[in-house]
Amino acid sequence: MGDISIFVDESGTRNGNSEYYLLTLVFHDQNEDIYRCIHLYEHALLERGLPDIPFHAGPLFNGHDDYASYAMNTRKQLFTAFYTFVWHLPITYVTFAYRKKDLRGSKDLEKRMKQDIVDFLFRNLDWFQRYEQVKIYYDGGQSVVTYAIHAAAAYALSKNAVQYRNSSPKEHRLAQVADCICALELTSHKYDDHEETATDEKMFGGIGAFKRNYLKKIRRMRLER
């Protein structure tokens, strides 16, 4: 028996402009080494003369915050390097997606999110019970996510097996990985619904290029909901 980590990230805010709200959970068996992948990623950045900026999809795509001084070409190189790092990792993930027009406020989102996580945990209960500890990492950025995660874990898992850790993306590569996967899943929904932005097309190309070059490899890691 060992420990399993769950890194949590969300995309969209309850009151923001996005039409979607996504929740991504990234799973990592802590017996599986990730440090070689991290070393190769950091070495690739060094070889290409790229900065080692903690990955954050939104600012990277739009050239904000730590990425403000970098042109689109450099930001695309940074994304490609990180994306390559992600799909070589020994991880799996699940994403839950909600359209805001289908929700009746934040309480409805909390209820649906909690139920979706509970259903997922019960379907995979044998898997989780192989581990001595389930360590859940989240930065507490959205109260609706904190509630749903805590409530679902308390309902479906042994309280003695679950540990909660505050996770800063600047400190944990796998928190950055959850952010990357969540962003790709959001982009997939936007392309499918013909709601992609000019930034999406500059970063990924058309829907065919996006699915072929980016989504296909990531989806191989996805668990069934």
Protein backbone atom coordinates (compact mmCIF):
# COMPACT_ATOMS: atom_id res chain seq x y z
CA MET A 1 0.00 0.00 0.00
CA GLY A 2 1.14 3.51 -0.75
CA ASP A 3 -0.34 6.97 -1.17
CA ILE A 4 -2.22 8.55 -4.05
CA SER A 5 -2.24 12.27 -4.75
CA ILE A 6 -5.19 14.13 -6.23
CA PHE A 7 -4.39 17.58 -7.63
CA VAL A 8 -7.44 19.76 -8.21
CA ASP A 9 -7.94 22.64 -10.63
CA GLU A 10 -10.96 24.50 -11.93
CA SER A 11 -11.58 26.65 -14.98
CA GLY A 12 -14.14 29.41 -15.02
CA THR A 13 -15.77 31.28 -12.16
CA ARG A 14 -19.39 31.23 -11.12
CA ASN A 15 -19.86 34.90 -12.01
CA GLY A 16 -17.28 35.29 -14.80
CA ASN A 17 -17.72 35.63 -18.56
CA SER A 18 -16.96 32.00 -19.41
CA GLU A 19 -19.89 29.88 -20.55
CA TYR A 20 -18.38 26.85 -18.79
CA TYR A 21 -17.25 25.68 -15.39
CA LEU A 22 -14.78 22.78 -15.36
CA LEU A 23 -13.27 20.75 -12.54
CA THR A 24 -10.23 18.55 -13.18
CA LEU A 25 -8.76 15.95 -10.80
CA VAL A 26 -5.27 14.62 -11.60
CA PHE A 27 -4.26 11.32 -9.96
CA HIS A 28 -0.70 10.28 -9.21
CA ASP A 29 0.41 7.09 -7.46
CA GLN A 30 3.26 8.40 -5.32
CA ASN A 31 5.20 5.20 -5.93
CA GLU A 32 5.52 6.29 -9.58
CA ASP A 33 8.59 8.48 -10.07
CA ILE A 34 7.98 11.84 -11.76
CA TYR A 35 11.33 13.49 -11.03
CA ARG A 36 12.99 12.21 -14.20
CA CYS A 37 10.19 13.81 -16.25
CA ILE A 38 10.60 17.06 -14.31
CA HIS A 39 14.36 17.00 -14.91
CA LEU A 40 13.89 16.42 -18.65
CA TYR A 41 11.35 19.27 -18.84
CA GLU A 42 13.61 21.70 -17.02
CA HIS A 43 16.57 20.64 -19.17
CA ALA A 44 14.51 21.19 -22.34
CA LEU A 45 13.70 24.74 -21.21
CA LEU A 46 17.36 25.40 -20.52
CA GLU A 47 18.49 24.04 -23.89
CA ARG A 48 15.98 26.21 -25.75
CA GLY A 49 16.72 29.33 -23.74
CA LEU A 50 13.17 29.45 -22.37
CA PRO A 51 12.28 30.79 -18.91
CA ASP A 52 11.15 28.38 -16.19
CA ILE A 53 7.88 30.13 -15.32
CA PRO A 54 5.36 28.20 -13.18
CA PHE A 55 2.78 27.12 -15.76
CA HIS A 56 -0.52 29.02 -15.75
CA ALA A 57 -2.61 28.48 -18.85
CA GLY A 58 -4.77 31.61 -18.92
CA PRO A 59 -1.93 34.15 -18.62
CA LEU A 60 0.25 32.10 -20.98
CA PHE A 61 -2.41 32.00 -23.70
CA ASN A 62 -3.22 35.70 -23.37
CA GLY A 63 0.24 37.12 -22.60
CA HIS A 64 -0.60 38.40 -19.12
CA ASP A 65 1.17 38.44 -15.74
CA ASP A 66 4.51 36.59 -15.83
CA TYR A 67 4.14 36.09 -19.60
CA ALA A 68 3.45 39.74 -20.47
CA SER A 69 6.91 40.40 -21.91
CA TYR A 70 6.92 37.31 -24.18
CA ALA A 71 5.69 37.19 -27.77
CA MET A 72 3.16 34.58 -28.94
CA ASN A 73 5.89 32.49 -30.58
CA THR A 74 7.77 32.16 -27.27
CA ARG A 75 4.57 31.43 -25.38
CA LYS A 76 3.73 28.69 -27.88
CA GLN A 77 7.17 27.17 -27.29
CA LEU A 78 6.59 27.31 -23.54
CA PHE A 79 3.23 25.61 -23.92
CA THR A 80 4.64 22.89 -26.20
CA ALA A 81 7.45 22.16 -23.74
CA PHE A 82 5.04 21.86 -20.82
CA TYR A 83 2.47 19.87 -22.80
CA THR A 84 5.20 17.39 -23.80
CA PHE A 85 6.16 17.08 -20.13
CA VAL A 86 2.52 16.38 -19.19
CA TRP A 87 1.82 13.50 -21.54
CA HIS A 88 4.98 11.66 -20.48
CA LEU A 89 3.92 11.65 -16.82
CA PRO A 90 2.54 8.54 -15.03
CA ILE A 91 -0.80 10.18 -14.23
CA THR A 92 -4.49 9.87 -15.00
CA TYR A 93 -7.28 12.41 -14.73
CA VAL A 94 -10.99 13.08 -14.86
CA THR A 95 -12.77 16.31 -15.81
CA PHE A 96 -16.32 17.35 -14.96
CA ALA A 97 -17.81 20.06 -17.16
CA TYR A 98 -20.87 22.26 -16.62
CA ARG A 99 -22.50 24.89 -18.80
CA LYS A 100 -23.61 27.85 -16.76
CA LYS A 101 -26.88 28.19 -18.65
CA ASP A 102 -27.84 24.75 -17.31
CA LEU A 103 -27.22 25.72 -13.66
CA ARG A 104 -29.59 27.36 -11.22
CA GLY A 105 -26.98 29.26 -9.23
CA SER A 106 -24.04 28.28 -7.06
CA LYS A 107 -25.95 25.83 -4.86
CA ASP A 108 -26.96 23.85 -7.93
CA LEU A 109 -23.32 23.77 -9.06
CA GLU A 110 -22.21 22.58 -5.60
CA LYS A 111 -24.85 19.84 -5.61
CA ARG A 112 -24.02 18.60 -9.11
CA MET A 113 -20.29 18.74 -8.57
CA LYS A 114 -20.48 16.87 -5.28
CA GLN A 115 -22.69 14.16 -6.80
CA ASP A 116 -20.43 13.75 -9.83
CA ILE A 117 -17.37 13.30 -7.60
CA VAL A 118 -19.20 10.88 -5.29
CA ASP A 119 -20.34 8.79 -8.26
CA PHE A 120 -16.81 8.73 -9.65
CA LEU A 121 -15.29 7.74 -6.30
CA PHE A 122 -17.78 4.91 -5.79
CA ARG A 123 -17.21 3.56 -9.31
CA ASN A 124 -13.49 3.49 -8.57
CA LEU A 125 -13.66 2.62 -4.88
CA ASP A 126 -11.61 -0.58 -5.21
CA TRP A 127 -8.81 1.45 -6.76
CA PHE A 128 -8.78 4.09 -4.02
CA GLN A 129 -8.94 1.45 -1.29
CA ARG A 130 -5.59 0.08 -2.44
CA TYR A 131 -3.95 3.16 -0.97
CA GLU A 132 -3.20 3.91 2.64
CA GLN A 133 -3.61 7.66 2.19
CA VAL A 134 -5.49 9.80 -0.35
CA LYS A 135 -3.83 13.22 -0.40
CA ILE A 136 -5.92 15.97 -1.95
CA TYR A 137 -4.10 19.10 -3.10
CA TYR A 138 -6.06 22.29 -3.79
CA ASP A 139 -5.30 25.98 -3.37
CA GLY A 140 -8.78 26.83 -2.08
CA GLY A 141 -9.37 29.31 -4.90
CA GLN A 142 -13.08 28.56 -5.28
CA SER A 143 -15.27 27.86 -2.27
CA VAL A 144 -17.68 25.79 -4.37
CA VAL A 145 -14.84 23.42 -5.27
CA THR A 146 -13.59 23.19 -1.70
CA TYR A 147 -17.08 22.30 -0.50
CA ALA A 148 -17.69 19.71 -3.23
CA ILE A 149 -14.33 17.99 -2.76
CA HIS A 150 -14.57 17.82 1.04
CA ALA A 151 -18.21 16.74 1.04
CA ALA A 152 -17.70 14.04 -1.61
CA ALA A 153 -14.55 12.64 -0.01
CA ALA A 154 -16.20 12.56 3.42
CA TYR A 155 -19.18 10.68 1.97
CA ALA A 156 -17.31 8.15 -0.18
CA LEU A 157 -13.93 7.59 1.48
CA SER A 158 -12.72 6.74 4.97
CA LYS A 159 -12.04 9.96 6.85
CA ASN A 160 -8.87 8.42 8.29
CA ALA A 161 -7.50 7.87 4.80
CA VAL A 162 -7.96 11.41 3.44
CA GLN A 163 -5.52 14.27 3.93
CA TYR A 164 -6.01 17.80 2.60
CA ARG A 165 -3.03 19.86 1.52
CA ASN A 166 -2.93 23.49 0.43
CA SER A 167 -1.38 23.45 -3.02
CA SER A 168 0.29 26.45 -4.57
CA PRO A 169 0.87 25.95 -8.32
CA LYS A 170 4.22 27.69 -7.91
CA GLU A 171 5.33 24.93 -5.54
CA HIS A 172 3.86 21.81 -7.19
CA ARG A 173 4.42 20.79 -10.80
CA LEU A 174 1.37 18.50 -10.67
CA ALA A 175 -0.84 21.44 -9.69
CA GLN A 176 0.41 23.11 -12.87
CA VAL A 177 -0.37 19.90 -14.75
CA ALA A 178 -3.97 19.98 -13.50
CA ASP A 179 -4.21 23.58 -14.73
CA CYS A 180 -2.90 22.58 -18.17
CA ILE A 181 -5.28 19.64 -18.56
CA CYS A 182 -8.24 21.68 -17.36
CA ALA A 183 -7.41 24.38 -19.92
CA LEU A 184 -7.18 21.82 -22.74
CA GLU A 185 -10.52 20.28 -21.78
CA LEU A 186 -12.10 23.75 -21.70
CA THR A 187 -10.65 24.52 -25.12
CA SER A 188 -12.10 21.25 -26.43
CA HIS A 189 -15.59 22.28 -25.33
CA LYS A 190 -15.16 25.68 -26.96
CA TYR A 191 -14.09 24.15 -30.29
CA ASP A 192 -16.90 21.58 -30.20
CA ASP A 193 -19.47 24.33 -29.61
CA HIS A 194 -17.87 26.66 -32.20
CA GLU A 195 -17.02 29.16 -29.47
CA GLU A 196 -13.25 29.18 -29.87
CA THR A 197 -11.52 32.54 -29.60
CA ALA A 198 -8.90 34.19 -31.78
CA THR A 199 -6.35 33.35 -29.07
CA ASP A 200 -7.32 29.67 -29.22
CA GLU A 201 -6.75 29.63 -32.97
CA LYS A 202 -3.40 31.41 -32.68
CA MET A 203 -2.24 28.96 -30.02
CA PHE A 204 -3.64 25.69 -31.45
CA GLY A 205 -4.86 26.25 -35.01
CA GLY A 206 -8.24 24.93 -36.16
CA ILE A 207 -10.28 22.23 -34.46
CA GLY A 208 -8.61 19.43 -36.43
CA ALA A 209 -5.10 20.55 -35.51
CA PHE A 210 -6.09 21.02 -31.88
CA LYS A 211 -7.55 17.55 -31.53
CA ARG A 212 -4.79 15.86 -33.51
CA ASN A 213 -1.80 17.64 -31.99
CA TYR A 214 -2.93 18.29 -28.42
CA LEU A 215 -6.13 16.67 -27.22
CA LYS A 216 -5.56 13.13 -28.52
CA LYS A 217 -2.51 12.36 -26.37
CA ILE A 218 -3.97 13.95 -23.24
CA ARG A 219 -7.24 12.02 -23.62
CA ARG A 220 -5.30 8.74 -23.41
CA MET A 221 -4.79 9.57 -19.74
CA ARG A 222 -8.45 10.30 -19.06
CA LEU A 223 -10.51 8.02 -16.85
CA GLU A 224 -14.17 7.39 -17.53
CA ARG A 225 -16.48 9.56 -15.46
